[in-house]
PDB file of N, CA and C in Angstrom:
ATOM      1  N   UNK A   1     -22.498  19.026 -31.821  1.00  0.00           N
ATOM      2  CA  UNK A   1     -22.159  19.127 -30.424  1.00  0.00           C
ATOM      3  C   UNK A   1     -20.643  18.989 -30.278  1.00  0.00           C
ATOM      4  N   UNK A   2     -20.044  19.871 -29.515  1.00  0.00           N
ATOM      5  CA  UNK A   2     -18.596  19.857 -29.306  1.00  0.00           C
ATOM      6  C   UNK A   2     -18.195  18.688 -28.410  1.00  0.00           C
ATOM      7  N   UNK A   3     -17.073  18.121 -28.737  1.00  0.00           N
ATOM      8  CA  UNK A   3     -16.554  17.004 -27.963  1.00  0.00           C
ATOM      9  C   UNK A   3     -15.496  17.525 -26.997  1.00  0.00           C
ATOM     10  N   UNK A   4     -15.616  17.184 -25.755  1.00  0.00           N
ATOM     11  CA  UNK A   4     -14.675  17.635 -24.734  1.00  0.00           C
ATOM     12  C   UNK A   4     -13.543  16.610 -24.609  1.00  0.00           C
ATOM     13  N   UNK A   5     -12.314  17.088 -24.728  1.00  0.00           N
ATOM     14  CA  UNK A   5     -11.144  16.225 -24.628  1.00  0.00           C
ATOM     15  C   UNK A   5     -10.383  16.595 -23.358  1.00  0.00           C
ATOM     16  N   UNK A   6     -10.024  15.591 -22.584  1.00  0.00           N
ATOM     17  CA  UNK A   6      -9.267  15.809 -21.356  1.00  0.00           C
ATOM     18  C   UNK A   6      -7.783  15.616 -21.640  1.00  0.00           C
ATOM     19  N   UNK A   7      -6.993  16.576 -21.192  1.00  0.00           N
ATOM     20  CA  UNK A   7      -5.549  16.511 -21.373  1.00  0.00           C
ATOM     21  C   UNK A   7      -4.848  16.378 -20.030  1.00  0.00           C
ATOM     22  N   UNK A   8      -3.744  15.649 -20.048  1.00  0.00           N
ATOM     23  CA  UNK A   8      -2.846  15.582 -18.900  1.00  0.00           C
ATOM     24  C   UNK A   8      -1.678  16.516 -19.191  1.00  0.00           C
ATOM     25  N   UNK A   9      -1.253  17.254 -18.202  1.00  0.00           N
ATOM     26  CA  UNK A   9      -0.067  18.097 -18.337  1.00  0.00           C
ATOM     27  C   UNK A   9       0.946  17.586 -17.321  1.00  0.00           C
ATOM     28  N   UNK A  10       2.088  17.126 -17.832  1.00  0.00           N
ATOM     29  CA  UNK A  10       3.126  16.538 -16.991  1.00  0.00           C
ATOM     30  C   UNK A  10       4.404  17.364 -17.086  1.00  0.00           C
ATOM     31  N   UNK A  11       5.105  17.475 -15.985  1.00  0.00           N
ATOM     32  CA  UNK A  11       6.426  18.101 -16.013  1.00  0.00           C
ATOM     33  C   UNK A  11       7.430  17.085 -16.553  1.00  0.00           C
ATOM     34  N   UNK A  12       8.617  17.552 -16.872  1.00  0.00           N
ATOM     35  CA  UNK A  12       9.633  16.627 -17.388  1.00  0.00           C
ATOM     36  C   UNK A  12       9.986  15.564 -16.347  1.00  0.00           C
ATOM     37  N   UNK A  13       9.989  15.937 -15.070  1.00  0.00           N
ATOM     38  CA  UNK A  13      10.258  14.946 -14.018  1.00  0.00           C
ATOM     39  C   UNK A  13       9.163  13.888 -13.960  1.00  0.00           C
ATOM     40  N   UNK A  14       7.915  14.312 -14.097  1.00  0.00           N
ATOM     41  CA  UNK A  14       6.801  13.354 -14.091  1.00  0.00           C
ATOM     42  C   UNK A  14       6.872  12.434 -15.301  1.00  0.00           C
ATOM     43  N   UNK A  15       7.244  12.974 -16.456  1.00  0.00           N
ATOM     44  CA  UNK A  15       7.401  12.141 -17.653  1.00  0.00           C
ATOM     45  C   UNK A  15       8.491  11.103 -17.417  1.00  0.00           C
ATOM     46  N   UNK A  16       9.612  11.532 -16.852  1.00  0.00           N
ATOM     47  CA  UNK A  16      10.715  10.598 -16.588  1.00  0.00           C
ATOM     48  C   UNK A  16      10.305   9.490 -15.625  1.00  0.00           C
ATOM     49  N   UNK A  17       9.432   9.803 -14.678  1.00  0.00           N
ATOM     50  CA  UNK A  17       8.987   8.803 -13.705  1.00  0.00           C
ATOM     51  C   UNK A  17       7.885   7.892 -14.230  1.00  0.00           C
ATOM     52  N   UNK A  18       6.999   8.410 -15.058  1.00  0.00           N
ATOM     53  CA  UNK A  18       5.774   7.673 -15.404  1.00  0.00           C
ATOM     54  C   UNK A  18       5.711   7.109 -16.809  1.00  0.00           C
ATOM     55  N   UNK A  19       6.439   7.681 -17.744  1.00  0.00           N
ATOM     56  CA  UNK A  19       6.334   7.244 -19.138  1.00  0.00           C
ATOM     57  C   UNK A  19       7.594   6.467 -19.512  1.00  0.00           C
ATOM     58  N   UNK A  20       7.437   5.228 -19.960  1.00  0.00           N
ATOM     59  CA  UNK A  20       8.604   4.386 -20.268  1.00  0.00           C
ATOM     60  C   UNK A  20       9.190   4.661 -21.656  1.00  0.00           C
ATOM     61  N   UNK A  21       9.446   5.937 -21.965  1.00  0.00           N
ATOM     62  CA  UNK A  21       9.898   6.290 -23.310  1.00  0.00           C
ATOM     63  C   UNK A  21      11.277   5.712 -23.638  1.00  0.00           C
ATOM     64  N   UNK A  22      12.165   5.594 -22.658  1.00  0.00           N
ATOM     65  CA  UNK A  22      13.494   5.030 -22.923  1.00  0.00           C
ATOM     66  C   UNK A  22      13.381   3.550 -23.295  1.00  0.00           C
ATOM     67  N   UNK A  23      12.562   2.815 -22.571  1.00  0.00           N
ATOM     68  CA  UNK A  23      12.342   1.398 -22.876  1.00  0.00           C
ATOM     69  C   UNK A  23      11.722   1.239 -24.259  1.00  0.00           C
ATOM     70  N   UNK A  24      10.731   2.067 -24.569  1.00  0.00           N
ATOM     71  CA  UNK A  24      10.066   2.005 -25.876  1.00  0.00           C
ATOM     72  C   UNK A  24      11.074   2.291 -26.986  1.00  0.00           C
ATOM     73  N   UNK A  25      11.888   3.312 -26.809  1.00  0.00           N
ATOM     74  CA  UNK A  25      12.882   3.668 -27.827  1.00  0.00           C
ATOM     75  C   UNK A  25      13.900   2.547 -28.024  1.00  0.00           C
ATOM     76  N   UNK A  26      14.464   2.050 -26.936  1.00  0.00           N
ATOM     77  CA  UNK A  26      15.496   1.017 -27.055  1.00  0.00           C
ATOM     78  C   UNK A  26      14.941  -0.272 -27.648  1.00  0.00           C
ATOM     79  N   UNK A  27      13.703  -0.602 -27.330  1.00  0.00           N
ATOM     80  CA  UNK A  27      13.100  -1.813 -27.886  1.00  0.00           C
ATOM     81  C   UNK A  27      12.774  -1.628 -29.356  1.00  0.00           C
ATOM     82  N   UNK A  28      12.141  -0.514 -29.695  1.00  0.00           N
ATOM     83  CA  UNK A  28      11.708  -0.275 -31.073  1.00  0.00           C
ATOM     84  C   UNK A  28      12.886  -0.208 -32.031  1.00  0.00           C
ATOM     85  N   UNK A  29      13.956   0.427 -31.620  1.00  0.00           N
ATOM     86  CA  UNK A  29      15.093   0.604 -32.514  1.00  0.00           C
ATOM     87  C   UNK A  29      16.200  -0.410 -32.246  1.00  0.00           C
ATOM     88  N   UNK A  30      15.883  -1.469 -31.491  1.00  0.00           N
ATOM     89  CA  UNK A  30      16.842  -2.518 -31.185  1.00  0.00           C
ATOM     90  C   UNK A  30      16.595  -3.773 -32.009  1.00  0.00           C
ATOM     91  N   UNK A  31      17.376  -4.789 -31.745  1.00  0.00           N
ATOM     92  CA  UNK A  31      17.349  -6.027 -32.524  1.00  0.00           C
ATOM     93  C   UNK A  31      16.083  -6.852 -32.310  1.00  0.00           C
ATOM     94  N   UNK A  32      15.459  -6.758 -31.150  1.00  0.00           N
ATOM     95  CA  UNK A  32      14.290  -7.594 -30.870  1.00  0.00           C
ATOM     96  C   UNK A  32      13.064  -7.198 -31.683  1.00  0.00           C
ATOM     97  N   UNK A  33      13.063  -6.021 -32.247  1.00  0.00           N
ATOM     98  CA  UNK A  33      11.864  -5.537 -32.931  1.00  0.00           C
ATOM     99  C   UNK A  33      11.593  -6.309 -34.215  1.00  0.00           C
ATOM    100  N   UNK A  34      12.598  -6.765 -34.889  1.00  0.00           N
ATOM    101  CA  UNK A  34      12.427  -7.403 -36.196  1.00  0.00           C
ATOM    102  C   UNK A  34      12.260  -8.917 -36.112  1.00  0.00           C
ATOM    103  N   UNK A  35      11.576  -9.397 -35.097  1.00  0.00           N
ATOM    104  CA  UNK A  35      11.352 -10.836 -34.977  1.00  0.00           C
ATOM    105  C   UNK A  35       9.911 -11.174 -35.338  1.00  0.00           C
ATOM    106  N   UNK A  36       9.703 -12.377 -35.814  1.00  0.00           N
ATOM    107  CA  UNK A  36       8.356 -12.821 -36.165  1.00  0.00           C
ATOM    108  C   UNK A  36       7.441 -12.903 -34.957  1.00  0.00           C
ATOM    109  N   UNK A  37       7.989 -13.311 -33.841  1.00  0.00           N
ATOM    110  CA  UNK A  37       7.196 -13.409 -32.607  1.00  0.00           C
ATOM    111  C   UNK A  37       6.649 -12.035 -32.218  1.00  0.00           C
ATOM    112  N   UNK A  38       7.501 -11.024 -32.284  1.00  0.00           N
ATOM    113  CA  UNK A  38       7.072  -9.668 -31.953  1.00  0.00           C
ATOM    114  C   UNK A  38       6.012  -9.178 -32.931  1.00  0.00           C
ATOM    115  N   UNK A  39       6.204  -9.435 -34.214  1.00  0.00           N
ATOM    116  CA  UNK A  39       5.232  -8.995 -35.224  1.00  0.00           C
ATOM    117  C   UNK A  39       3.857  -9.606 -34.978  1.00  0.00           C
ATOM    118  N   UNK A  40       3.825 -10.897 -34.682  1.00  0.00           N
ATOM    119  CA  UNK A  40       2.535 -11.561 -34.425  1.00  0.00           C
ATOM    120  C   UNK A  40       1.845 -10.958 -33.212  1.00  0.00           C
ATOM    121  N   UNK A  41       2.576 -10.781 -32.134  1.00  0.00           N
ATOM    122  CA  UNK A  41       1.984 -10.182 -30.923  1.00  0.00           C
ATOM    123  C   UNK A  41       1.529  -8.754 -31.183  1.00  0.00           C
ATOM    124  N   UNK A  42       2.309  -7.995 -31.935  1.00  0.00           N
ATOM    125  CA  UNK A  42       1.973  -6.607 -32.267  1.00  0.00           C
ATOM    126  C   UNK A  42       0.616  -6.551 -32.978  1.00  0.00           C
ATOM    127  N   UNK A  43       0.417  -7.428 -33.946  1.00  0.00           N
ATOM    128  CA  UNK A  43      -0.845  -7.451 -34.684  1.00  0.00           C
ATOM    129  C   UNK A  43      -2.002  -7.937 -33.822  1.00  0.00           C
ATOM    130  N   UNK A  44      -1.736  -8.861 -32.905  1.00  0.00           N
ATOM    131  CA  UNK A  44      -2.785  -9.387 -32.028  1.00  0.00           C
ATOM    132  C   UNK A  44      -3.196  -8.397 -30.942  1.00  0.00           C
ATOM    133  N   UNK A  45      -2.238  -7.689 -30.369  1.00  0.00           N
ATOM    134  CA  UNK A  45      -2.490  -6.897 -29.166  1.00  0.00           C
ATOM    135  C   UNK A  45      -2.824  -5.430 -29.419  1.00  0.00           C
ATOM    136  N   UNK A  46      -2.516  -4.919 -30.611  1.00  0.00           N
ATOM    137  CA  UNK A  46      -2.746  -3.506 -30.898  1.00  0.00           C
ATOM    138  C   UNK A  46      -3.693  -3.358 -32.079  1.00  0.00           C
ATOM    139  N   UNK A  47      -4.628  -2.436 -31.948  1.00  0.00           N
ATOM    140  CA  UNK A  47      -5.545  -2.149 -33.052  1.00  0.00           C
ATOM    141  C   UNK A  47      -4.794  -1.365 -34.124  1.00  0.00           C
ATOM    142  N   UNK A  48      -5.400  -1.255 -35.294  1.00  0.00           N
ATOM    143  CA  UNK A  48      -4.791  -0.486 -36.379  1.00  0.00           C
ATOM    144  C   UNK A  48      -4.572   0.966 -35.955  1.00  0.00           C
ATOM    145  N   UNK A  49      -5.537   1.536 -35.280  1.00  0.00           N
ATOM    146  CA  UNK A  49      -5.411   2.921 -34.815  1.00  0.00           C
ATOM    147  C   UNK A  49      -4.275   3.064 -33.795  1.00  0.00           C
ATOM    148  N   UNK A  50      -4.154   2.101 -32.891  1.00  0.00           N
ATOM    149  CA  UNK A  50      -3.060   2.135 -31.912  1.00  0.00           C
ATOM    150  C   UNK A  50      -1.706   2.003 -32.595  1.00  0.00           C
ATOM    151  N   UNK A  51      -1.617   1.142 -33.601  1.00  0.00           N
ATOM    152  CA  UNK A  51      -0.351   0.976 -34.322  1.00  0.00           C
ATOM    153  C   UNK A  51       0.041   2.264 -35.038  1.00  0.00           C
ATOM    154  N   UNK A  52      -0.937   2.945 -35.626  1.00  0.00           N
ATOM    155  CA  UNK A  52      -0.650   4.217 -36.296  1.00  0.00           C
ATOM    156  C   UNK A  52      -0.211   5.274 -35.288  1.00  0.00           C
ATOM    157  N   UNK A  53      -0.894   5.354 -34.160  1.00  0.00           N
ATOM    158  CA  UNK A  53      -0.529   6.325 -33.121  1.00  0.00           C
ATOM    159  C   UNK A  53       0.837   5.997 -32.529  1.00  0.00           C
ATOM    160  N   UNK A  54       1.150   4.720 -32.423  1.00  0.00           N
ATOM    161  CA  UNK A  54       2.432   4.302 -31.852  1.00  0.00           C
ATOM    162  C   UNK A  54       3.602   4.771 -32.709  1.00  0.00           C
ATOM    163  N   UNK A  55       3.410   4.886 -34.011  1.00  0.00           N
ATOM    164  CA  UNK A  55       4.475   5.372 -34.887  1.00  0.00           C
ATOM    165  C   UNK A  55       4.954   6.744 -34.433  1.00  0.00           C
ATOM    166  N   UNK A  56       4.019   7.617 -34.101  1.00  0.00           N
ATOM    167  CA  UNK A  56       4.370   8.952 -33.617  1.00  0.00           C
ATOM    168  C   UNK A  56       5.081   8.867 -32.266  1.00  0.00           C
ATOM    169  N   UNK A  57       4.609   7.961 -31.401  1.00  0.00           N
ATOM    170  CA  UNK A  57       5.230   7.824 -30.083  1.00  0.00           C
ATOM    171  C   UNK A  57       6.640   7.242 -30.179  1.00  0.00           C
ATOM    172  N   UNK A  58       6.871   6.347 -31.131  1.00  0.00           N
ATOM    173  CA  UNK A  58       8.226   5.818 -31.331  1.00  0.00           C
ATOM    174  C   UNK A  58       9.185   6.951 -31.703  1.00  0.00           C
ATOM    175  N   UNK A  59       8.747   7.805 -32.618  1.00  0.00           N
ATOM    176  CA  UNK A  59       9.585   8.937 -33.018  1.00  0.00           C
ATOM    177  C   UNK A  59       9.796   9.899 -31.855  1.00  0.00           C
ATOM    178  N   UNK A  60       8.752  10.113 -31.081  1.00  0.00           N
ATOM    179  CA  UNK A  60       8.858  10.999 -29.925  1.00  0.00           C
ATOM    180  C   UNK A  60       9.810  10.419 -28.880  1.00  0.00           C
ATOM    181  N   UNK A  61       9.733   9.118 -28.647  1.00  0.00           N
ATOM    182  CA  UNK A  61      10.633   8.495 -27.669  1.00  0.00           C
ATOM    183  C   UNK A  61      12.087   8.637 -28.113  1.00  0.00           C
ATOM    184  N   UNK A  62      12.333   8.483 -29.399  1.00  0.00           N
ATOM    185  CA  UNK A  62      13.684   8.641 -29.937  1.00  0.00           C
ATOM    186  C   UNK A  62      14.170  10.072 -29.738  1.00  0.00           C
ATOM    187  N   UNK A  63      13.312  11.026 -30.043  1.00  0.00           N
ATOM    188  CA  UNK A  63      13.664  12.440 -29.880  1.00  0.00           C
ATOM    189  C   UNK A  63      13.961  12.769 -28.414  1.00  0.00           C
ATOM    190  N   UNK A  64      13.089  12.312 -27.515  1.00  0.00           N
ATOM    191  CA  UNK A  64      13.271  12.597 -26.092  1.00  0.00           C
ATOM    192  C   UNK A  64      14.531  11.943 -25.537  1.00  0.00           C
ATOM    193  N   UNK A  65      14.814  10.709 -25.949  1.00  0.00           N
ATOM    194  CA  UNK A  65      15.946   9.976 -25.385  1.00  0.00           C
ATOM    195  C   UNK A  65      17.282  10.399 -25.988  1.00  0.00           C
ATOM    196  N   UNK A  66      17.309  10.619 -27.295  1.00  0.00           N
ATOM    197  CA  UNK A  66      18.594  10.783 -27.973  1.00  0.00           C
ATOM    198  C   UNK A  66      18.854  12.152 -28.592  1.00  0.00           C
ATOM    199  N   UNK A  67      17.844  12.997 -28.682  1.00  0.00           N
ATOM    200  CA  UNK A  67      18.045  14.259 -29.390  1.00  0.00           C
ATOM    201  C   UNK A  67      17.837  15.475 -28.501  1.00  0.00           C
ATOM    202  N   UNK A  68      16.598  15.709 -28.117  1.00  0.00           N
ATOM    203  CA  UNK A  68      16.264  16.974 -27.444  1.00  0.00           C
ATOM    204  C   UNK A  68      16.069  16.853 -25.947  1.00  0.00           C
ATOM    205  N   UNK A  69      15.796  15.656 -25.473  1.00  0.00           N
ATOM    206  CA  UNK A  69      15.395  15.492 -24.081  1.00  0.00           C
ATOM    207  C   UNK A  69      13.907  15.797 -23.935  1.00  0.00           C
ATOM    208  N   UNK A  70      13.386  15.553 -22.764  1.00  0.00           N
ATOM    209  CA  UNK A  70      11.964  15.784 -22.502  1.00  0.00           C
ATOM    210  C   UNK A  70      11.754  17.280 -22.264  1.00  0.00           C
ATOM    211  N   UNK A  71      10.738  17.883 -22.902  1.00  0.00           N
ATOM    212  CA  UNK A  71      10.462  19.300 -22.653  1.00  0.00           C
ATOM    213  C   UNK A  71      10.035  19.547 -21.206  1.00  0.00           C
ATOM    214  N   UNK A  72      10.062  20.803 -20.787  1.00  0.00           N
ATOM    215  CA  UNK A  72       9.681  21.167 -19.414  1.00  0.00           C
ATOM    216  C   UNK A  72       8.267  20.710 -19.074  1.00  0.00           C
ATOM    217  N   UNK A  73       7.333  20.882 -20.005  1.00  0.00           N
ATOM    218  CA  UNK A  73       5.964  20.390 -19.803  1.00  0.00           C
ATOM    219  C   UNK A  73       5.532  19.632 -21.045  1.00  0.00           C
ATOM    220  N   UNK A  74       4.771  18.588 -20.821  1.00  0.00           N
ATOM    221  CA  UNK A  74       4.259  17.751 -21.898  1.00  0.00           C
ATOM    222  C   UNK A  74       2.754  17.641 -21.714  1.00  0.00           C
ATOM    223  N   UNK A  75       2.012  17.910 -22.781  1.00  0.00           N
ATOM    224  CA  UNK A  75       0.556  17.806 -22.738  1.00  0.00           C
ATOM    225  C   UNK A  75       0.133  16.667 -23.654  1.00  0.00           C
ATOM    226  N   UNK A  76      -0.713  15.781 -23.135  1.00  0.00           N
ATOM    227  CA  UNK A  76      -1.196  14.653 -23.932  1.00  0.00           C
ATOM    228  C   UNK A  76      -2.591  14.266 -23.468  1.00  0.00           C
ATOM    229  N   UNK A  77      -3.298  13.565 -24.331  1.00  0.00           N
ATOM    230  CA  UNK A  77      -4.624  13.078 -23.956  1.00  0.00           C
ATOM    231  C   UNK A  77      -4.477  11.865 -23.038  1.00  0.00           C
ATOM    232  N   UNK A  78      -5.551  11.551 -22.373  1.00  0.00           N
ATOM    233  CA  UNK A  78      -5.573  10.366 -21.511  1.00  0.00           C
ATOM    234  C   UNK A  78      -5.336   9.112 -22.355  1.00  0.00           C
ATOM    235  N   UNK A  79      -5.864   9.100 -23.574  1.00  0.00           N
ATOM    236  CA  UNK A  79      -5.685   7.952 -24.470  1.00  0.00           C
ATOM    237  C   UNK A  79      -4.215   7.783 -24.856  1.00  0.00           C
ATOM    238  N   UNK A  80      -3.523   8.882 -25.084  1.00  0.00           N
ATOM    239  CA  UNK A  80      -2.098   8.803 -25.418  1.00  0.00           C
ATOM    240  C   UNK A  80      -1.301   8.279 -24.232  1.00  0.00           C
ATOM    241  N   UNK A  81      -1.632   8.750 -23.042  1.00  0.00           N
ATOM    242  CA  UNK A  81      -0.960   8.258 -21.839  1.00  0.00           C
ATOM    243  C   UNK A  81      -1.174   6.750 -21.695  1.00  0.00           C
ATOM    244  N   UNK A  82      -2.408   6.297 -21.925  1.00  0.00           N
ATOM    245  CA  UNK A  82      -2.713   4.863 -21.840  1.00  0.00           C
ATOM    246  C   UNK A  82      -1.924   4.076 -22.888  1.00  0.00           C
ATOM    247  N   UNK A  83      -1.760   4.642 -24.078  1.00  0.00           N
ATOM    248  CA  UNK A  83      -0.985   3.961 -25.117  1.00  0.00           C
ATOM    249  C   UNK A  83       0.494   3.880 -24.732  1.00  0.00           C
ATOM    250  N   UNK A  84       1.039   4.926 -24.119  1.00  0.00           N
ATOM    251  CA  UNK A  84       2.417   4.852 -23.610  1.00  0.00           C
ATOM    252  C   UNK A  84       2.560   3.683 -22.636  1.00  0.00           C
ATOM    253  N   UNK A  85       1.589   3.544 -21.728  1.00  0.00           N
ATOM    254  CA  UNK A  85       1.646   2.459 -20.741  1.00  0.00           C
ATOM    255  C   UNK A  85       1.573   1.096 -21.433  1.00  0.00           C
ATOM    256  N   UNK A  86       0.678   0.979 -22.398  1.00  0.00           N
ATOM    257  CA  UNK A  86       0.525  -0.283 -23.122  1.00  0.00           C
ATOM    258  C   UNK A  86       1.804  -0.614 -23.904  1.00  0.00           C
ATOM    259  N   UNK A  87       2.389   0.386 -24.540  1.00  0.00           N
ATOM    260  CA  UNK A  87       3.648   0.169 -25.264  1.00  0.00           C
ATOM    261  C   UNK A  87       4.767  -0.245 -24.319  1.00  0.00           C
ATOM    262  N   UNK A  88       4.817   0.379 -23.155  1.00  0.00           N
ATOM    263  CA  UNK A  88       5.838   0.024 -22.172  1.00  0.00           C
ATOM    264  C   UNK A  88       5.718  -1.420 -21.723  1.00  0.00           C
ATOM    265  N   UNK A  89       4.500  -1.849 -21.435  1.00  0.00           N
ATOM    266  CA  UNK A  89       4.279  -3.240 -21.023  1.00  0.00           C
ATOM    267  C   UNK A  89       4.640  -4.203 -22.144  1.00  0.00           C
ATOM    268  N   UNK A  90       4.250  -3.851 -23.370  1.00  0.00           N
ATOM    269  CA  UNK A  90       4.552  -4.695 -24.517  1.00  0.00           C
ATOM    270  C   UNK A  90       6.066  -4.813 -24.717  1.00  0.00           C
ATOM    271  N   UNK A  91       6.748  -3.683 -24.704  1.00  0.00           N
ATOM    272  CA  UNK A  91       8.199  -3.683 -24.927  1.00  0.00           C
ATOM    273  C   UNK A  91       8.940  -4.425 -23.818  1.00  0.00           C
ATOM    274  N   UNK A  92       8.465  -4.317 -22.601  1.00  0.00           N
ATOM    275  CA  UNK A  92       9.111  -5.019 -21.490  1.00  0.00           C
ATOM    276  C   UNK A  92       8.939  -6.528 -21.601  1.00  0.00           C
ATOM    277  N   UNK A  93       7.908  -6.964 -22.307  1.00  0.00           N
ATOM    278  CA  UNK A  93       7.614  -8.395 -22.366  1.00  0.00           C
ATOM    279  C   UNK A  93       8.275  -9.109 -23.548  1.00  0.00           C
ATOM    280  N   UNK A  94       8.883  -8.363 -24.471  1.00  0.00           N
ATOM    281  CA  UNK A  94       9.500  -9.051 -25.621  1.00  0.00           C
ATOM    282  C   UNK A  94      10.999  -9.169 -25.489  1.00  0.00           C
TER     283      UNK A  94
END
């Protein structure tokens, strides 16, 4: 049986308003990332699958913020959007 996947399609303006990619990038590649407190919370709050998916989002946030900018349209699953939100909340709290 085929599995139906729902995608969100966002414009670059919507991405800039709704996805905290700049915060995620600055936190991930900043000094606060290499602390023991952050590592413990990271392991407690994110599943192994989320941590693996977050690796791709960290690279994407870096690309969007510092290299290419956000494309005109961005397509992602609802789960990816939820992970962006979770990463944003996590990064804002450390």
